[in-house]
N, C-alpha and C. Protein backbone atom coordinates (compact mmCIF):
# COMPACT_ATOMS: atom_id res chain seq x y z
N MET A 1 0.63 -1.06 0.31
CA MET A 1 0.01 0.21 0.11
C MET A 1 0.69 1.20 0.19
N ASN A 2 0.99 2.21 -0.50
CA ASN A 2 1.37 3.29 -1.68
C ASN A 2 -0.13 3.93 0.38
N VAL A 3 0.34 4.74 0.99
CA VAL A 3 -0.17 5.39 1.20
C VAL A 3 -0.09 6.99 1.17
N TRP A 4 1.90 7.66 0.63
CA TRP A 4 1.63 8.76 -0.10
C TRP A 4 0.77 9.55 -1.65
N SER A 5 -0.06 8.03 -2.27
CA SER A 5 -0.30 8.22 -3.03
C SER A 5 -1.79 8.62 -3.25
N ILE A 6 -2.51 8.21 -2.29
CA ILE A 6 -3.62 7.57 -0.84
C ILE A 6 -4.70 9.48 -1.61
N GLU A 7 -5.65 9.44 -2.15
CA GLU A 7 -6.29 10.83 -1.84
C GLU A 7 -7.26 10.29 -0.59
N LYS A 8 -6.65 10.47 0.65
CA LYS A 8 -7.64 10.62 1.93
C LYS A 8 -7.73 12.08 2.27
N ASP A 9 -8.49 12.20 3.73
CA ASP A 9 -8.24 13.24 3.99
C ASP A 9 -6.87 13.19 5.29
N PHE A 10 -6.57 14.12 5.58
CA PHE A 10 -5.36 14.71 7.11
C PHE A 10 -4.91 13.50 8.02
N ALA A 11 -6.05 13.45 9.09
CA ALA A 11 -6.34 11.90 9.73
C ALA A 11 -6.18 11.05 9.64
N LEU A 12 -7.27 10.86 7.69
CA LEU A 12 -6.62 9.09 8.22
C LEU A 12 -5.38 8.61 6.98
N LYS A 13 -4.73 9.67 6.20
CA LYS A 13 -3.66 9.66 5.83
C LYS A 13 -2.37 9.12 7.07
N HIS A 14 -2.83 9.79 8.21
CA HIS A 14 -1.33 10.14 9.48
C HIS A 14 -2.25 8.33 9.86
N PHE A 15 -3.86 7.66 10.06
CA PHE A 15 -3.41 5.93 10.76
C PHE A 15 -2.96 5.67 9.56
N LEU A 16 -2.96 6.19 8.06
CA LEU A 16 -2.56 4.55 7.55
C LEU A 16 -0.72 4.66 7.20
N ILE A 17 -0.10 6.10 7.53
CA ILE A 17 1.47 6.23 8.31
C ILE A 17 1.55 5.52 8.33
N GLU A 18 0.93 5.42 9.53
CA GLU A 18 1.23 4.85 11.78
C GLU A 18 1.29 3.38 10.70
N LEU A 19 -0.20 2.93 10.17
CA LEU A 19 -0.51 1.75 10.71
C LEU A 19 0.44 0.48 9.36
N VAL A 20 1.01 1.60 8.19
CA VAL A 20 2.46 1.09 8.37
C VAL A 20 3.60 0.98 8.93
N HIS A 21 3.65 1.73 9.58
CA HIS A 21 4.48 1.88 10.70
C HIS A 21 4.49 0.68 11.67
N ARG A 22 3.98 0.55 11.65
CA ARG A 22 3.97 -0.12 13.22
C ARG A 22 3.59 -1.53 13.26
N HIS A 23 2.38 -1.83 11.36
CA HIS A 23 2.95 -3.15 10.77
C HIS A 23 3.07 -3.79 10.22
N GLY A 24 3.80 -2.63 9.29
CA GLY A 24 4.39 -2.47 7.98
C GLY A 24 4.17 -2.71 6.48
N GLU A 25 4.22 -2.26 5.17
CA GLU A 25 3.66 -1.89 4.66
C GLU A 25 2.83 -2.77 3.48
N ASN A 26 3.97 -4.30 3.51
CA ASN A 26 2.64 -5.18 2.82
C ASN A 26 1.09 -5.53 3.44
N THR A 27 1.55 -5.68 5.42
CA THR A 27 0.18 -6.07 6.09
C THR A 27 -1.24 -6.57 5.30
N PHE A 28 -1.37 -4.71 5.18
CA PHE A 28 -2.63 -5.12 4.62
C PHE A 28 -2.62 -4.11 2.99
N SER A 29 -3.61 -3.99 3.43
CA SER A 29 -4.44 -2.88 1.49
C SER A 29 -5.75 -3.26 1.63
N LEU A 30 -5.87 -3.04 0.80
CA LEU A 30 -7.06 -1.77 0.91
C LEU A 30 -8.81 -2.13 0.03
N HIS A 31 -9.44 -2.01 -0.05
CA HIS A 31 -10.43 -2.40 -1.16
C HIS A 31 -10.75 -0.84 -0.85
N GLU A 32 -11.02 -0.96 -2.16
CA GLU A 32 -11.59 0.75 -3.44
C GLU A 32 -13.17 0.97 -2.70
N HIS A 33 -12.75 2.81 -2.77
CA HIS A 33 -13.34 3.05 -2.22
C HIS A 33 -13.18 4.17 -2.80
N PRO A 34 -12.30 5.10 -3.63
CA PRO A 34 -12.46 6.14 -4.64
C PRO A 34 -12.99 7.16 -4.15
N ASP A 35 -14.17 7.32 -3.64
CA ASP A 35 -15.15 8.19 -4.44
C ASP A 35 -16.10 8.29 -2.30
N GLN A 36 -14.53 8.15 -1.23
CA GLN A 36 -14.72 8.39 0.24
C GLN A 36 -13.24 8.82 0.38
N PHE A 37 -14.19 9.97 0.50
CA PHE A 37 -12.17 10.73 0.67
C PHE A 37 -11.91 11.01 1.99
N ARG A 38 -12.99 10.78 3.52
CA ARG A 38 -13.00 10.58 4.61
C ARG A 38 -13.14 8.76 5.53
N ALA A 39 -12.63 7.52 4.05
CA ALA A 39 -13.01 6.80 5.04
C ALA A 39 -11.93 5.49 3.66
N VAL A 40 -11.64 4.28 4.09
CA VAL A 40 -10.63 3.23 4.20
C VAL A 40 -10.73 2.45 4.70
N GLU A 41 -10.95 1.18 4.23
CA GLU A 41 -11.17 0.29 4.49
C GLU A 41 -10.13 -0.38 3.96
N ILE A 42 -9.79 -1.48 5.79
CA ILE A 42 -8.18 -2.26 5.99
C ILE A 42 -9.24 -4.64 4.80
N TYR A 43 -7.63 -4.73 5.20
CA TYR A 43 -7.84 -5.91 5.68
C TYR A 43 -6.59 -6.11 5.31
N GLN A 44 -6.57 -7.92 5.69
CA GLN A 44 -4.47 -7.89 6.17
C GLN A 44 -4.95 -8.56 4.36
N SER A 45 -3.58 -9.07 4.18
CA SER A 45 -3.53 -9.46 2.55
C SER A 45 -3.53 -10.67 1.82
N GLY A 46 -4.53 -10.72 1.04
CA GLY A 46 -4.97 -12.61 1.37
C GLY A 46 -5.90 -11.98 1.80
N LEU A 47 -6.21 -11.84 3.06
CA LEU A 47 -7.90 -11.85 3.30
C LEU A 47 -8.88 -10.79 2.83
N PRO A 48 -9.20 -10.83 1.81
CA PRO A 48 -10.35 -9.91 2.20
C PRO A 48 -11.17 -9.72 3.14
N GLU A 49 -11.82 -10.71 3.27
CA GLU A 49 -13.45 -11.43 4.09
C GLU A 49 -13.34 -10.75 5.12
N LEU A 50 -11.98 -10.33 6.00
CA LEU A 50 -12.64 -9.68 7.09
C LEU A 50 -12.02 -8.19 7.34
N SER A 51 -12.73 -7.69 7.75
CA SER A 51 -12.07 -6.14 7.26
C SER A 51 -12.44 -5.25 8.32
N ALA A 52 -12.18 -4.20 8.50
CA ALA A 52 -12.48 -3.23 9.11
C ALA A 52 -12.20 -2.19 8.13
N TYR A 53 -13.50 -0.87 7.51
CA TYR A 53 -14.15 -0.32 7.54
C TYR A 53 -13.56 1.60 8.98
N ILE A 54 -12.69 2.23 8.30
CA ILE A 54 -12.22 3.18 9.73
C ILE A 54 -12.73 4.52 8.58
N TYR A 55 -12.88 5.12 9.27
CA TYR A 55 -13.63 6.74 8.83
C TYR A 55 -13.12 7.58 9.74
N THR A 56 -13.73 8.75 9.21
CA THR A 56 -13.80 9.64 9.64
C THR A 56 -15.00 11.07 9.86
N PHE A 57 -15.74 10.97 9.21
CA PHE A 57 -16.65 11.72 8.98
C PHE A 57 -17.99 11.34 9.65
N ALA A 58 -18.77 12.91 9.79
CA ALA A 58 -19.81 12.53 11.54
C ALA A 58 -18.66 12.58 12.90
N GLN A 59 -17.26 12.69 12.62
CA GLN A 59 -16.60 11.78 13.96
C GLN A 59 -15.75 13.53 14.83
N ASN A 60 -15.49 13.89 16.10
CA ASN A 60 -15.31 15.16 17.06
C ASN A 60 -13.56 14.74 16.16
N GLU A 61 -12.66 16.72 16.31
CA GLU A 61 -11.39 16.27 15.00
C GLU A 61 -10.54 15.45 16.12
N ASN A 62 -9.60 14.74 15.14
CA ASN A 62 -9.02 14.39 15.49
C ASN A 62 -9.48 13.02 15.90
N SER A 63 -10.58 12.60 15.82
CA SER A 63 -11.29 10.89 15.85
C SER A 63 -11.69 10.38 15.04
N TYR A 64 -11.59 8.87 15.23
CA TYR A 64 -11.26 8.14 13.78
C TYR A 64 -13.09 6.78 14.56
N ALA A 65 -13.69 6.52 13.36
CA ALA A 65 -14.74 5.15 14.31
C ALA A 65 -14.60 4.82 12.97
N VAL A 66 -14.95 3.14 13.26
CA VAL A 66 -14.23 1.62 12.93
C VAL A 66 -15.17 1.19 12.33
N ASP A 67 -15.57 0.67 11.75
CA ASP A 67 -17.42 -0.35 11.45
C ASP A 67 -16.01 -1.92 11.75
N LEU A 68 -16.47 -2.90 12.20
CA LEU A 68 -15.47 -4.02 12.05
C LEU A 68 -16.46 -5.69 10.60
N LYS A 69 -15.46 -6.01 10.16
CA LYS A 69 -17.06 -6.21 9.35
C LYS A 69 -15.77 -8.18 8.73
N TYR A 70 -16.97 -8.67 9.80
CA TYR A 70 -16.64 -10.29 9.14
C TYR A 70 -16.77 -10.99 8.35
N PRO A 71 -15.96 -12.44 7.52
CA PRO A 71 -17.54 -13.19 7.16
C PRO A 71 -18.13 -14.01 7.20
N LEU A 72 -18.72 -13.34 7.52
CA LEU A 72 -20.90 -14.01 8.21
C LEU A 72 -21.33 -12.51 7.98
N PRO A 73 -21.86 -11.29 7.75
CA PRO A 73 -22.38 -10.61 7.92
C PRO A 73 -22.65 -10.23 9.32
N GLU A 74 -23.95 -11.26 9.41
CA GLU A 74 -24.14 -10.65 10.92
C GLU A 74 -23.74 -10.63 11.58
N HIS A 75 -21.97 -11.23 12.00
CA HIS A 75 -21.28 -10.76 12.39
C HIS A 75 -20.63 -9.54 12.40
N ASN A 76 -20.79 -8.91 11.73
CA ASN A 76 -20.49 -7.46 11.89
C ASN A 76 -20.64 -6.85 12.50
N ILE A 77 -20.16 -5.59 13.06
CA ILE A 77 -20.00 -4.28 14.55
C ILE A 77 -19.76 -3.18 13.73
N ILE A 78 -21.52 -2.20 13.37
CA ILE A 78 -21.36 -1.60 13.15
C ILE A 78 -21.95 -0.64 13.35
N GLY A 79 -21.11 1.25 13.67
CA GLY A 79 -21.14 1.83 14.98
C GLY A 79 -21.77 1.87 15.99
N ALA A 80 -20.65 1.43 16.10
CA ALA A 80 -20.18 0.37 18.29
C ALA A 80 -18.63 1.37 18.35
N ASN A 81 -18.47 1.23 17.29
CA ASN A 81 -17.35 2.24 17.87
C ASN A 81 -16.61 3.54 16.95
N GLU A 82 -16.96 4.84 17.98
CA GLU A 82 -17.05 5.32 17.63
C GLU A 82 -15.66 7.16 18.07
N ASN A 83 -15.86 8.05 17.33
CA ASN A 83 -14.99 9.10 18.49
C ASN A 83 -13.85 8.40 19.13
N LEU A 84 -13.22 7.59 18.24
CA LEU A 84 -11.59 7.22 19.71
C LEU A 84 -10.34 7.64 18.92
N ASN A 85 -9.70 8.10 19.65
CA ASN A 85 -7.96 8.53 19.69
C ASN A 85 -7.64 7.18 18.51
N MET A 86 -6.35 7.39 18.45
CA MET A 86 -5.41 6.43 17.82
C MET A 86 -5.11 5.57 17.96
N GLU A 87 -4.77 5.71 18.86
CA GLU A 87 -4.07 4.18 20.10
C GLU A 87 -5.01 3.57 20.71
N GLN A 88 -6.61 3.86 20.70
CA GLN A 88 -8.54 3.15 21.47
C GLN A 88 -8.15 2.55 20.12
N LEU A 89 -8.76 3.05 18.18
CA LEU A 89 -8.92 2.26 16.86
C LEU A 89 -7.31 1.23 16.69
N PHE A 90 -6.06 2.20 16.92
CA PHE A 90 -5.09 0.42 16.75
C PHE A 90 -5.93 -0.90 18.08
N ALA A 91 -5.63 -0.50 18.74
CA ALA A 91 -6.23 -1.93 20.05
C ALA A 91 -7.63 -2.15 19.41
N ILE A 92 -8.69 -1.78 18.79
CA ILE A 92 -9.10 -2.52 18.22
C ILE A 92 -8.84 -3.09 17.20
N LEU A 93 -8.21 -2.72 16.67
CA LEU A 93 -7.65 -2.78 14.89
C LEU A 93 -6.86 -4.68 15.49
N ASN A 94 -6.01 -4.12 16.41
CA ASN A 94 -5.35 -5.87 16.66
C ASN A 94 -6.21 -7.14 17.22
N THR A 95 -6.74 -6.51 18.36
CA THR A 95 -8.16 -7.64 18.27
C THR A 95 -8.18 -8.28 17.05
N HIS A 96 -9.51 -7.85 16.61
CA HIS A 96 -9.82 -7.80 14.85
C HIS A 96 -8.79 -8.33 14.57
N PHE A 97 -8.02 -7.79 13.96
CA PHE A 97 -6.95 -8.61 12.78
C PHE A 97 -5.98 -9.76 13.87
N ASP A 98 -6.36 -10.15 15.15
CA ASP A 98 -5.33 -10.87 15.70
C ASP A 98 -3.68 -10.23 16.23
N LEU A 99 -3.56 -9.44 16.57
CA LEU A 99 -2.09 -9.04 15.85
C LEU A 99 -1.03 -8.08 17.67
N SER A 100 -0.14 -8.52 17.61
CA SER A 100 0.16 -8.08 18.42
C SER A 100 0.36 -6.43 18.35
N SER A 101 0.55 -6.24 19.25
CA SER A 101 0.34 -4.05 19.61
C SER A 101 1.86 -3.59 19.85
């Protein structure tokens, strides 16, 4: 993932740069949503059925929200994790993707 070429708002670019810094450049991929300037959907490379939709719209300044997507849609967690700071967001993502922090 080349975060420098992605056209997203500043907070999302900051998140993506930190994601690459913490977990490496090839750990995550993006589902393409080019029309969504204030949202990204990430998944671990090779596992697109388990993803996280991170967005900044309708959030406090410098805050994030995340919807967690699972292979079975009835297990998705939508709208429950809002107005998170970056560390809270990474804690949720580390659990969702079973990553060490």
